[in-house]
Amino acid sequence: QAAIVNMKEDFARIQVLRNDIARNLVAHKPLDFNLI
């Protein structure tokens, strides 16, 4: 059960990070290589 909770948290965080990267690319913002 603890492993399942950790997996859900990790997956949700990966989705948030991916959406941040995709939002910056779609908005044609200059690339911040350090942030990426």
Full PDB file with SEQRES, HELIX, SHEET, SSBOND, CRYST1, ORIGX, SCALE, CONECT and MASTER records, all heavy atoms in Angstrom:
SEQRES   1 A   36  GLN ALA ALA ILE VAL ASN MET LYS GLU ASP PHE ALA ARG          
SEQRES   2 A   36  ILE GLN VAL LEU ARG ASN ASP ILE ALA ARG ASN LEU VAL          
SEQRES   3 A   36  ALA HIS LYS PRO LEU ASP PHE ASN LEU ILE                      
HELIX    1 AA1 ALA A    2  VAL A   26  1                                  25    
CRYST1    1.000    1.000    1.000  90.00  90.00  90.00 P 1           1          
ORIGX1      1.000000  0.000000  0.000000        0.00000                         
ORIGX2      0.000000  1.000000  0.000000        0.00000                         
ORIGX3      0.000000  0.000000  1.000000        0.00000                         
SCALE1      1.000000  0.000000  0.000000        0.00000                         
SCALE2      0.000000  1.000000  0.000000        0.00000                         
SCALE3      0.000000  0.000000  1.000000        0.00000                         
ATOM      1  N   GLN A   1       0.832  -1.207   0.000  1.00  0.00           N  
ATOM      2  CA  GLN A   1       0.000   0.000   0.000  1.00  0.00           C  
ATOM      3  C   GLN A   1       0.871   1.264   0.000  1.00  0.00           C  
ATOM      4  O   GLN A   1       0.561   2.237  -0.696  1.00  0.00           O  
ATOM      5  CB  GLN A   1      -0.936   0.006   1.224  1.00  0.00           C  
ATOM      6  CG  GLN A   1      -1.994  -1.072   1.185  1.00  0.00           C  
ATOM      7  CD  GLN A   1      -2.906  -0.942  -0.019  1.00  0.00           C  
ATOM      8  OE1 GLN A   1      -3.227   0.141  -0.463  1.00  0.00           O  
ATOM      9  NE2 GLN A   1      -3.314  -2.084  -0.559  1.00  0.00           N  
ATOM     10  N   ALA A   2       1.966   1.251   0.767  1.00  0.00           N  
ATOM     11  CA  ALA A   2       2.870   2.407   0.784  1.00  0.00           C  
ATOM     12  C   ALA A   2       3.524   2.590  -0.585  1.00  0.00           C  
ATOM     13  O   ALA A   2       3.677   3.728  -1.062  1.00  0.00           O  
ATOM     14  CB  ALA A   2       3.939   2.220   1.854  1.00  0.00           C  
ATOM     15  N   ALA A   3       3.895   1.501  -1.243  1.00  0.00           N  
ATOM     16  CA  ALA A   3       4.492   1.591  -2.569  1.00  0.00           C  
ATOM     17  C   ALA A   3       3.501   2.159  -3.582  1.00  0.00           C  
ATOM     18  O   ALA A   3       3.866   2.960  -4.453  1.00  0.00           O  
ATOM     19  CB  ALA A   3       4.982   0.218  -3.019  1.00  0.00           C  
ATOM     20  N   ILE A   4       2.245   1.780  -3.474  1.00  0.00           N  
ATOM     21  CA  ILE A   4       1.212   2.293  -4.389  1.00  0.00           C  
ATOM     22  C   ILE A   4       1.049   3.800  -4.204  1.00  0.00           C  
ATOM     23  O   ILE A   4       0.943   4.552  -5.184  1.00  0.00           O  
ATOM     24  CB  ILE A   4      -0.116   1.540  -4.181  1.00  0.00           C  
ATOM     25  CG1 ILE A   4       0.005   0.112  -4.702  1.00  0.00           C  
ATOM     26  CG2 ILE A   4      -1.270   2.259  -4.854  1.00  0.00           C  
ATOM     27  CD1 ILE A   4      -1.176  -0.774  -4.380  1.00  0.00           C  
ATOM     28  N   VAL A   5       1.031   4.247  -2.950  1.00  0.00           N  
ATOM     29  CA  VAL A   5       0.896   5.687  -2.678  1.00  0.00           C  
ATOM     30  C   VAL A   5       2.089   6.442  -3.281  1.00  0.00           C  
ATOM     31  O   VAL A   5       1.918   7.483  -3.939  1.00  0.00           O  
ATOM     32  CB  VAL A   5       0.781   5.938  -1.156  1.00  0.00           C  
ATOM     33  CG1 VAL A   5       0.940   7.404  -0.831  1.00  0.00           C  
ATOM     34  CG2 VAL A   5      -0.543   5.411  -0.643  1.00  0.00           C  
ATOM     35  N   ASN A   6       3.301   5.910  -3.082  1.00  0.00           N  
ATOM     36  CA  ASN A   6       4.497   6.559  -3.636  1.00  0.00           C  
ATOM     37  C   ASN A   6       4.467   6.591  -5.161  1.00  0.00           C  
ATOM     38  O   ASN A   6       4.858   7.584  -5.779  1.00  0.00           O  
ATOM     39  CB  ASN A   6       5.766   5.858  -3.153  1.00  0.00           C  
ATOM     40  CG  ASN A   6       6.045   6.112  -1.688  1.00  0.00           C  
ATOM     41  OD1 ASN A   6       5.563   7.089  -1.131  1.00  0.00           O  
ATOM     42  ND2 ASN A   6       6.795   5.220  -1.069  1.00  0.00           N  
ATOM     43  N   MET A   7       4.009   5.508  -5.769  1.00  0.00           N  
ATOM     44  CA  MET A   7       3.926   5.465  -7.233  1.00  0.00           C  
ATOM     45  C   MET A   7       2.959   6.524  -7.757  1.00  0.00           C  
ATOM     46  O   MET A   7       3.238   7.203  -8.751  1.00  0.00           O  
ATOM     47  CB  MET A   7       3.483   4.072  -7.711  1.00  0.00           C  
ATOM     48  CG  MET A   7       4.552   3.018  -7.617  1.00  0.00           C  
ATOM     49  SD  MET A   7       3.962   1.392  -8.094  1.00  0.00           S  
ATOM     50  CE  MET A   7       3.623   1.627  -9.808  1.00  0.00           C  
ATOM     51  N   LYS A   8       1.822   6.673  -7.090  1.00  0.00           N  
ATOM     52  CA  LYS A   8       0.837   7.673  -7.528  1.00  0.00           C  
ATOM     53  C   LYS A   8       1.409   9.082  -7.418  1.00  0.00           C  
ATOM     54  O   LYS A   8       1.214   9.915  -8.309  1.00  0.00           O  
ATOM     55  CB  LYS A   8      -0.445   7.542  -6.701  1.00  0.00           C  
ATOM     56  CG  LYS A   8      -1.266   6.327  -7.051  1.00  0.00           C  
ATOM     57  CD  LYS A   8      -2.536   6.262  -6.223  1.00  0.00           C  
ATOM     58  CE  LYS A   8      -3.363   5.047  -6.588  1.00  0.00           C  
ATOM     59  NZ  LYS A   8      -4.605   4.968  -5.808  1.00  0.00           N  
ATOM     60  N   GLU A   9       2.123   9.350  -6.310  1.00  0.00           N  
ATOM     61  CA  GLU A   9       2.740  10.673  -6.141  1.00  0.00           C  
ATOM     62  C   GLU A   9       3.795  10.933  -7.213  1.00  0.00           C  
ATOM     63  O   GLU A   9       3.851  12.024  -7.793  1.00  0.00           O  
ATOM     64  CB  GLU A   9       3.375  10.786  -4.753  1.00  0.00           C  
ATOM     65  CG  GLU A   9       2.381  10.864  -3.623  1.00  0.00           C  
ATOM     66  CD  GLU A   9       3.039  10.802  -2.263  1.00  0.00           C  
ATOM     67  OE1 GLU A   9       4.293  10.704  -2.180  1.00  0.00           O  
ATOM     68  OE2 GLU A   9       2.312  10.853  -1.257  1.00  0.00           O  
ATOM     69  N   ASP A  10       4.646   9.934  -7.466  1.00  0.00           N  
ATOM     70  CA  ASP A  10       5.682  10.091  -8.495  1.00  0.00           C  
ATOM     71  C   ASP A  10       5.060  10.328  -9.868  1.00  0.00           C  
ATOM     72  O   ASP A  10       5.506  11.194 -10.633  1.00  0.00           O  
ATOM     73  CB  ASP A  10       6.587   8.856  -8.542  1.00  0.00           C  
ATOM     74  CG  ASP A  10       7.539   8.776  -7.360  1.00  0.00           C  
ATOM     75  OD1 ASP A  10       7.734   9.814  -6.686  1.00  0.00           O  
ATOM     76  OD2 ASP A  10       8.095   7.687  -7.122  1.00  0.00           O  
ATOM     77  N   PHE A  11       4.033   9.554 -10.200  1.00  0.00           N  
ATOM     78  CA  PHE A  11       3.404   9.701 -11.509  1.00  0.00           C  
ATOM     79  C   PHE A  11       2.760  11.073 -11.657  1.00  0.00           C  
ATOM     80  O   PHE A  11       2.884  11.721 -12.716  1.00  0.00           O  
ATOM     81  CB  PHE A  11       2.362   8.593 -11.701  1.00  0.00           C  
ATOM     82  CG  PHE A  11       1.791   8.546 -13.083  1.00  0.00           C  
ATOM     83  CD1 PHE A  11       2.550   8.078 -14.146  1.00  0.00           C  
ATOM     84  CD2 PHE A  11       0.501   8.977 -13.328  1.00  0.00           C  
ATOM     85  CE1 PHE A  11       2.026   8.042 -15.427  1.00  0.00           C  
ATOM     86  CE2 PHE A  11      -0.026   8.951 -14.605  1.00  0.00           C  
ATOM     87  CZ  PHE A  11       0.742   8.471 -15.656  1.00  0.00           C  
ATOM     88  N   ALA A  12       2.083  11.537 -10.616  1.00  0.00           N  
ATOM     89  CA  ALA A  12       1.450  12.862 -10.678  1.00  0.00           C  
ATOM     90  C   ALA A  12       2.509  13.957 -10.847  1.00  0.00           C  
ATOM     91  O   ALA A  12       2.328  14.896 -11.638  1.00  0.00           O  
ATOM     92  CB  ALA A  12       0.626  13.110  -9.421  1.00  0.00           C  
ATOM     93  N   ARG A  13       3.632  13.850 -10.134  1.00  0.00           N  
ATOM     94  CA  ARG A  13       4.698  14.858 -10.242  1.00  0.00           C  
ATOM     95  C   ARG A  13       5.330  14.838 -11.638  1.00  0.00           C  
ATOM     96  O   ARG A  13       5.633  15.904 -12.203  1.00  0.00           O  
ATOM     97  CB  ARG A  13       5.759  14.616  -9.166  1.00  0.00           C  
ATOM     98  CG  ARG A  13       6.873  15.614  -9.163  1.00  0.00           C  
ATOM     99  CD  ARG A  13       6.365  17.000  -8.825  1.00  0.00           C  
ATOM    100  NE  ARG A  13       7.485  17.932  -8.898  1.00  0.00           N  
ATOM    101  CZ  ARG A  13       7.388  19.203  -9.178  1.00  0.00           C  
ATOM    102  NH1 ARG A  13       6.201  19.758  -9.364  1.00  0.00           N  
ATOM    103  NH2 ARG A  13       8.452  19.971  -9.240  1.00  0.00           N  
ATOM    104  N   ILE A  14       5.508  13.641 -12.209  1.00  0.00           N  
ATOM    105  CA  ILE A  14       6.047  13.544 -13.578  1.00  0.00           C  
ATOM    106  C   ILE A  14       5.104  14.234 -14.555  1.00  0.00           C  
ATOM    107  O   ILE A  14       5.545  14.960 -15.462  1.00  0.00           O  
ATOM    108  CB  ILE A  14       6.282  12.063 -13.974  1.00  0.00           C  
ATOM    109  CG1 ILE A  14       7.466  11.493 -13.182  1.00  0.00           C  
ATOM    110  CG2 ILE A  14       6.531  11.921 -15.475  1.00  0.00           C  
ATOM    111  CD1 ILE A  14       7.627  10.004 -13.324  1.00  0.00           C  
ATOM    112  N   GLN A  15       3.804  14.051 -14.395  1.00  0.00           N  
ATOM    113  CA  GLN A  15       2.838  14.712 -15.274  1.00  0.00           C  
ATOM    114  C   GLN A  15       2.919  16.237 -15.138  1.00  0.00           C  
ATOM    115  O   GLN A  15       2.854  16.959 -16.141  1.00  0.00           O  
ATOM    116  CB  GLN A  15       1.423  14.230 -14.967  1.00  0.00           C  
ATOM    117  CG  GLN A  15       1.146  12.818 -15.447  1.00  0.00           C  
ATOM    118  CD  GLN A  15      -0.253  12.373 -15.078  1.00  0.00           C  
ATOM    119  OE1 GLN A  15      -0.758  12.706 -14.005  1.00  0.00           O  
ATOM    120  NE2 GLN A  15      -0.876  11.610 -15.963  1.00  0.00           N  
ATOM    121  N   VAL A  16       3.049  16.736 -13.913  1.00  0.00           N  
ATOM    122  CA  VAL A  16       3.139  18.177 -13.698  1.00  0.00           C  
ATOM    123  C   VAL A  16       4.392  18.737 -14.374  1.00  0.00           C  
ATOM    124  O   VAL A  16       4.344  19.771 -15.072  1.00  0.00           O  
ATOM    125  CB  VAL A  16       3.129  18.502 -12.182  1.00  0.00           C  
ATOM    126  CG1 VAL A  16       3.519  19.948 -11.928  1.00  0.00           C  
ATOM    127  CG2 VAL A  16       1.758  18.206 -11.586  1.00  0.00           C  
ATOM    128  N   LEU A  17       5.529  18.066 -14.193  1.00  0.00           N  
ATOM    129  CA  LEU A  17       6.784  18.534 -14.806  1.00  0.00           C  
ATOM    130  C   LEU A  17       6.691  18.504 -16.331  1.00  0.00           C  
ATOM    131  O   LEU A  17       7.142  19.436 -17.017  1.00  0.00           O  
ATOM    132  CB  LEU A  17       7.963  17.685 -14.321  1.00  0.00           C  
ATOM    133  CG  LEU A  17       8.331  17.848 -12.848  1.00  0.00           C  
ATOM    134  CD1 LEU A  17       9.347  16.793 -12.432  1.00  0.00           C  
ATOM    135  CD2 LEU A  17       8.875  19.246 -12.586  1.00  0.00           C  
ATOM    136  N   ARG A  18       6.127  17.445 -16.861  1.00  0.00           N  
ATOM    137  CA  ARG A  18       5.988  17.350 -18.324  1.00  0.00           C  
ATOM    138  C   ARG A  18       5.088  18.456 -18.855  1.00  0.00           C  
ATOM    139  O   ARG A  18       5.359  19.075 -19.883  1.00  0.00           O  
ATOM    140  CB  ARG A  18       5.401  15.981 -18.688  1.00  0.00           C  
ATOM    141  CG  ARG A  18       5.269  15.768 -20.186  1.00  0.00           C  
ATOM    142  CD  ARG A  18       4.080  14.849 -20.450  1.00  0.00           C  
ATOM    143  NE  ARG A  18       3.659  14.931 -21.807  1.00  0.00           N  
ATOM    144  CZ  ARG A  18       2.761  15.780 -22.280  1.00  0.00           C  
ATOM    145  NH1 ARG A  18       2.193  16.659 -21.513  1.00  0.00           N  
ATOM    146  NH2 ARG A  18       2.423  15.777 -23.563  1.00  0.00           N  
ATOM    147  N   ASN A  19       3.987  18.740 -18.150  1.00  0.00           N  
ATOM    148  CA  ASN A  19       3.081  19.809 -18.576  1.00  0.00           C  
ATOM    149  C   ASN A  19       3.764  21.174 -18.521  1.00  0.00           C  
ATOM    150  O   ASN A  19       3.523  22.019 -19.396  1.00  0.00           O  
ATOM    151  CB  ASN A  19       1.816  19.811 -17.724  1.00  0.00           C  
ATOM    152  CG  ASN A  19       0.929  18.612 -18.015  1.00  0.00           C  
ATOM    153  OD1 ASN A  19       1.060  17.961 -19.049  1.00  0.00           O  
ATOM    154  ND2 ASN A  19       0.031  18.312 -17.090  1.00  0.00           N  
ATOM    155  N   ASP A  20       4.618  21.425 -17.515  1.00  0.00           N  
ATOM    156  CA  ASP A  20       5.362  22.692 -17.437  1.00  0.00           C  
ATOM    157  C   ASP A  20       6.281  22.859 -18.643  1.00  0.00           C  
ATOM    158  O   ASP A  20       6.327  23.931 -19.273  1.00  0.00           O  
ATOM    159  CB  ASP A  20       6.195  22.756 -16.150  1.00  0.00           C  
ATOM    160  CG  ASP A  20       5.344  23.007 -14.925  1.00  0.00           C  
ATOM    161  OD1 ASP A  20       4.175  23.428 -15.088  1.00  0.00           O  
ATOM    162  OD2 ASP A  20       5.858  22.780 -13.811  1.00  0.00           O  
ATOM    163  N   ILE A  21       6.986  21.786 -18.989  1.00  0.00           N  
ATOM    164  CA  ILE A  21       7.889  21.846 -20.146  1.00  0.00           C  
ATOM    165  C   ILE A  21       7.085  22.076 -21.420  1.00  0.00           C  
ATOM    166  O   ILE A  21       7.442  22.921 -22.261  1.00  0.00           O  
ATOM    167  CB  ILE A  21       8.739  20.554 -20.243  1.00  0.00           C  
ATOM    168  CG1 ILE A  21       9.697  20.453 -19.047  1.00  0.00           C  
ATOM    169  CG2 ILE A  21       9.513  20.507 -21.545  1.00  0.00           C  
ATOM    170  CD1 ILE A  21      10.408  19.114 -18.938  1.00  0.00           C  
ATOM    171  N   ALA A  22       5.973  21.344 -21.578  1.00  0.00           N  
ATOM    172  CA  ALA A  22       5.162  21.479 -22.791  1.00  0.00           C  
ATOM    173  C   ALA A  22       4.534  22.872 -22.864  1.00  0.00           C  
ATOM    174  O   ALA A  22       4.468  23.470 -23.951  1.00  0.00           O  
ATOM    175  CB  ALA A  22       4.077  20.404 -22.805  1.00  0.00           C  
ATOM    176  N   ARG A  23       4.080  23.438 -21.752  1.00  0.00           N  
ATOM    177  CA  ARG A  23       3.482  24.769 -21.745  1.00  0.00           C  
ATOM    178  C   ARG A  23       4.494  25.828 -22.201  1.00  0.00           C  
ATOM    179  O   ARG A  23       4.167  26.734 -22.966  1.00  0.00           O  
ATOM    180  CB  ARG A  23       2.981  25.104 -20.336  1.00  0.00           C  
ATOM    181  CG  ARG A  23       1.551  25.585 -20.328  1.00  0.00           C  
ATOM    182  CD  ARG A  23       1.015  25.905 -18.943  1.00  0.00           C  
ATOM    183  NE  ARG A  23       0.526  24.694 -18.288  1.00  0.00           N  
ATOM    184  CZ  ARG A  23       1.040  24.157 -17.192  1.00  0.00           C  
ATOM    185  NH1 ARG A  23       2.040  24.717 -16.571  1.00  0.00           N  
ATOM    186  NH2 ARG A  23       0.535  23.064 -16.695  1.00  0.00           N  
ATOM    187  N   ASN A  24       5.726  25.715 -21.719  1.00  0.00           N  
ATOM    188  CA  ASN A  24       6.771  26.667 -22.123  1.00  0.00           C  
ATOM    189  C   ASN A  24       7.087  26.546 -23.604  1.00  0.00           C  
ATOM    190  O   ASN A  24       7.342  27.554 -24.270  1.00  0.00           O  
ATOM    191  CB  ASN A  24       8.040  26.468 -21.285  1.00  0.00           C  
ATOM    192  CG  ASN A  24       7.869  26.947 -19.857  1.00  0.00           C  
ATOM    193  OD1 ASN A  24       6.998  27.770 -19.579  1.00  0.00           O  
ATOM    194  ND2 ASN A  24       8.684  26.425 -18.964  1.00  0.00           N  
ATOM    195  N   LEU A  25       7.059  25.332 -24.134  1.00  0.00           N  
ATOM    196  CA  LEU A  25       7.342  25.154 -25.561  1.00  0.00           C  
ATOM    197  C   LEU A  25       6.200  25.702 -26.423  1.00  0.00           C  
ATOM    198  O   LEU A  25       6.432  26.326 -27.455  1.00  0.00           O  
ATOM    199  CB  LEU A  25       7.581  23.678 -25.877  1.00  0.00           C  
ATOM    200  CG  LEU A  25       8.890  23.085 -25.347  1.00  0.00           C  
ATOM    201  CD1 LEU A  25       8.929  21.582 -25.619  1.00  0.00           C  
ATOM    202  CD2 LEU A  25      10.087  23.771 -25.989  1.00  0.00           C  
ATOM    203  N   VAL A  26       4.963  25.443 -26.010  1.00  0.00           N  
ATOM    204  CA  VAL A  26       3.804  25.907 -26.781  1.00  0.00           C  
ATOM    205  C   VAL A  26       3.707  27.435 -26.739  1.00  0.00           C  
ATOM    206  O   VAL A  26       3.314  28.064 -27.716  1.00  0.00           O  
ATOM    207  CB  VAL A  26       2.517  25.238 -26.248  1.00  0.00           C  
ATOM    208  CG1 VAL A  26       1.274  25.869 -26.848  1.00  0.00           C  
ATOM    209  CG2 VAL A  26       2.537  23.743 -26.535  1.00  0.00           C  
ATOM    210  N   ALA A  27       4.095  28.033 -25.623  1.00  0.00           N  
ATOM    211  CA  ALA A  27       4.012  29.491 -25.464  1.00  0.00           C  
ATOM    212  C   ALA A  27       5.165  30.199 -26.183  1.00  0.00           C  
ATOM    213  O   ALA A  27       5.220  31.426 -26.188  1.00  0.00           O  
ATOM    214  CB  ALA A  27       4.020  29.862 -23.995  1.00  0.00           C  
ATOM    215  N   HIS A  28       6.053  29.462 -26.809  1.00  0.00           N  
ATOM    216  CA  HIS A  28       7.217  30.005 -27.533  1.00  0.00           C  
ATOM    217  C   HIS A  28       8.072  30.892 -26.642  1.00  0.00           C  
ATOM    218  O   HIS A  28       8.605  31.915 -27.071  1.00  0.00           O  
ATOM    219  CB  HIS A  28       6.775  30.767 -28.793  1.00  0.00           C  
ATOM    220  CG  HIS A  28       6.070  29.883 -29.778  1.00  0.00           C  
ATOM    221  ND1 HIS A  28       6.692  28.878 -30.463  1.00  0.00           N  
ATOM    222  CD2 HIS A  28       4.770  29.864 -30.186  1.00  0.00           C  
ATOM    223  CE1 HIS A  28       5.826  28.268 -31.250  1.00  0.00           C  
ATOM    224  NE2 HIS A  28       4.625  28.866 -31.108  1.00  0.00           N  
ATOM    225  N   LYS A  29       8.187  30.503 -25.380  1.00  0.00           N  
ATOM    226  CA  LYS A  29       9.066  31.224 -24.472  1.00  0.00           C  
ATOM    227  C   LYS A  29      10.497  30.815 -24.785  1.00  0.00           C  
ATOM    228  O   LYS A  29      10.746  29.718 -25.279  1.00  0.00           O  
ATOM    229  CB  LYS A  29       8.747  30.878 -23.016  1.00  0.00           C  
ATOM    230  CG  LYS A  29       7.412  31.423 -22.523  1.00  0.00           C  
ATOM    231  CD  LYS A  29       7.256  31.114 -21.044  1.00  0.00           C  
ATOM    232  CE  LYS A  29       5.949  31.690 -20.531  1.00  0.00           C  
ATOM    233  NZ  LYS A  29       5.727  31.372 -19.123  1.00  0.00           N  
ATOM    234  N   PRO A  30      11.440  31.675 -24.467  1.00  0.00           N  
ATOM    235  CA  PRO A  30      12.829  31.268 -24.681  1.00  0.00           C  
ATOM    236  C   PRO A  30      13.170  30.097 -23.746  1.00  0.00           C  
ATOM    237  O   PRO A  30      12.709  30.025 -22.612  1.00  0.00           O  
ATOM    238  CB  PRO A  30      13.643  32.512 -24.336  1.00  0.00           C  
ATOM    239  CG  PRO A  30      12.718  33.436 -23.653  1.00  0.00           C  
ATOM    240  CD  PRO A  30      11.324  33.024 -23.967  1.00  0.00           C  
ATOM    241  N   LEU A  31      13.971  29.171 -24.251  1.00  0.00           N  
ATOM    242  CA  LEU A  31      14.303  27.969 -23.495  1.00  0.00           C  
ATOM    243  C   LEU A  31      15.244  28.304 -22.336  1.00  0.00           C  
ATOM    244  O   LEU A  31      16.271  28.957 -22.524  1.00  0.00           O  
ATOM    245  CB  LEU A  31      14.964  26.935 -24.402  1.00  0.00           C  
ATOM    246  CG  LEU A  31      14.078  26.355 -25.503  1.00  0.00           C  
ATOM    247  CD1 LEU A  31      14.875  25.407 -26.380  1.00  0.00           C  
ATOM    248  CD2 LEU A  31      12.884  25.650 -24.925  1.00  0.00           C  
ATOM    249  N   ASP A  32      14.865  27.855 -21.161  1.00  0.00           N  
ATOM    250  CA  ASP A  32      15.715  27.989 -19.971  1.00  0.00           C  
ATOM    251  C   ASP A  32      16.336  26.605 -19.746  1.00  0.00           C  
ATOM    252  O   ASP A  32      15.722  25.732 -19.136  1.00  0.00           O  
ATOM    253  CB  ASP A  32      14.879  28.442 -18.778  1.00  0.00           C  
ATOM    254  CG  ASP A  32      15.717  28.675 -17.538  1.00  0.00           C  
ATOM    255  OD1 ASP A  32      16.962  28.504 -17.606  1.00  0.00           O  
ATOM    256  OD2 ASP A  32      15.132  29.004 -16.490  1.00  0.00           O  
ATOM    257  N   PHE A  33      17.548  26.445 -20.290  1.00  0.00           N  
ATOM    258  CA  PHE A  33      18.171  25.123 -20.249  1.00  0.00           C  
ATOM    259  C   PHE A  33      18.460  24.651 -18.821  1.00  0.00           C  
ATOM    260  O   PHE A  33      18.425  23.455 -18.549  1.00  0.00           O  
ATOM    261  CB  PHE A  33      19.451  25.127 -21.092  1.00  0.00           C  
ATOM    262  CG  PHE A  33      19.171  25.257 -22.550  1.00  0.00           C  
ATOM    263  CD1 PHE A  33      19.445  26.437 -23.213  1.00  0.00           C  
ATOM    264  CD2 PHE A  33      18.616  24.211 -23.264  1.00  0.00           C  
ATOM    265  CE1 PHE A  33      19.171  26.568 -24.554  1.00  0.00           C  
ATOM    266  CE2 PHE A  33      18.346  24.336 -24.603  1.00  0.00           C  
ATOM    267  CZ  PHE A  33      18.618  25.514 -25.262  1.00  0.00           C  
ATOM    268  N   ASN A  34      18.728  25.567 -17.943  1.00  0.00           N  
ATOM    269  CA  ASN A  34      18.967  25.184 -16.557  1.00  0.00           C  
ATOM    270  C   ASN A  34      17.694  24.607 -15.941  1.00  0.00           C  
ATOM    271  O   ASN A  34      17.715  23.562 -15.283  1.00  0.00           O  
ATOM    272  CB  ASN A  34      19.457  26.398 -15.756  1.00  0.00           C  
ATOM    273  CG  ASN A  34      19.967  25.996 -14.392  1.00  0.00           C  
ATOM    274  OD1 ASN A  34      20.365  24.852 -14.190  1.00  0.00           O  
ATOM    275  ND2 ASN A  34      19.962  26.942 -13.461  1.00  0.00           N  
ATOM    276  N   LEU A  35      16.531  25.253 -16.165  1.00  0.00           N  
ATOM    277  CA  LEU A  35      15.258  24.764 -15.648  1.00  0.00           C  
ATOM    278  C   LEU A  35      14.894  23.420 -16.278  1.00  0.00           C  
ATOM    279  O   LEU A  35      14.464  22.492 -15.595  1.00  0.00           O  
ATOM    280  CB  LEU A  35      14.145  25.790 -15.912  1.00  0.00           C  
ATOM    281  CG  LEU A  35      12.736  25.378 -15.487  1.00  0.00           C  
ATOM    282  CD1 LEU A  35      12.669  25.206 -13.974  1.00  0.00           C  
ATOM    283  CD2 LEU A  35      11.717  26.379 -15.974  1.00  0.00           C  
ATOM    284  N   ILE A  36      15.086  23.295 -17.587  1.00  0.00           N  
ATOM    285  CA  ILE A  36      14.784  22.043 -18.282  1.00  0.00           C  
ATOM    286  C   ILE A  36      15.666  20.919 -17.746  1.00  0.00           C  
ATOM    287  O   ILE A  36      15.211  19.782 -17.551  1.00  0.00           O  
ATOM    288  CB  ILE A  36      14.942  22.211 -19.809  1.00  0.00           C  
ATOM    289  CG1 ILE A  36      13.860  23.143 -20.340  1.00  0.00           C  
ATOM    290  CG2 ILE A  36      14.875  20.855 -20.509  1.00  0.00           C  
ATOM    291  CD1 ILE A  36      14.028  23.503 -21.803  1.00  0.00           C  
TER     292      ILE A  36                                                      
MASTER        0    0    0    1    0    0    0    6  291    1    0    3          
END                                                                             
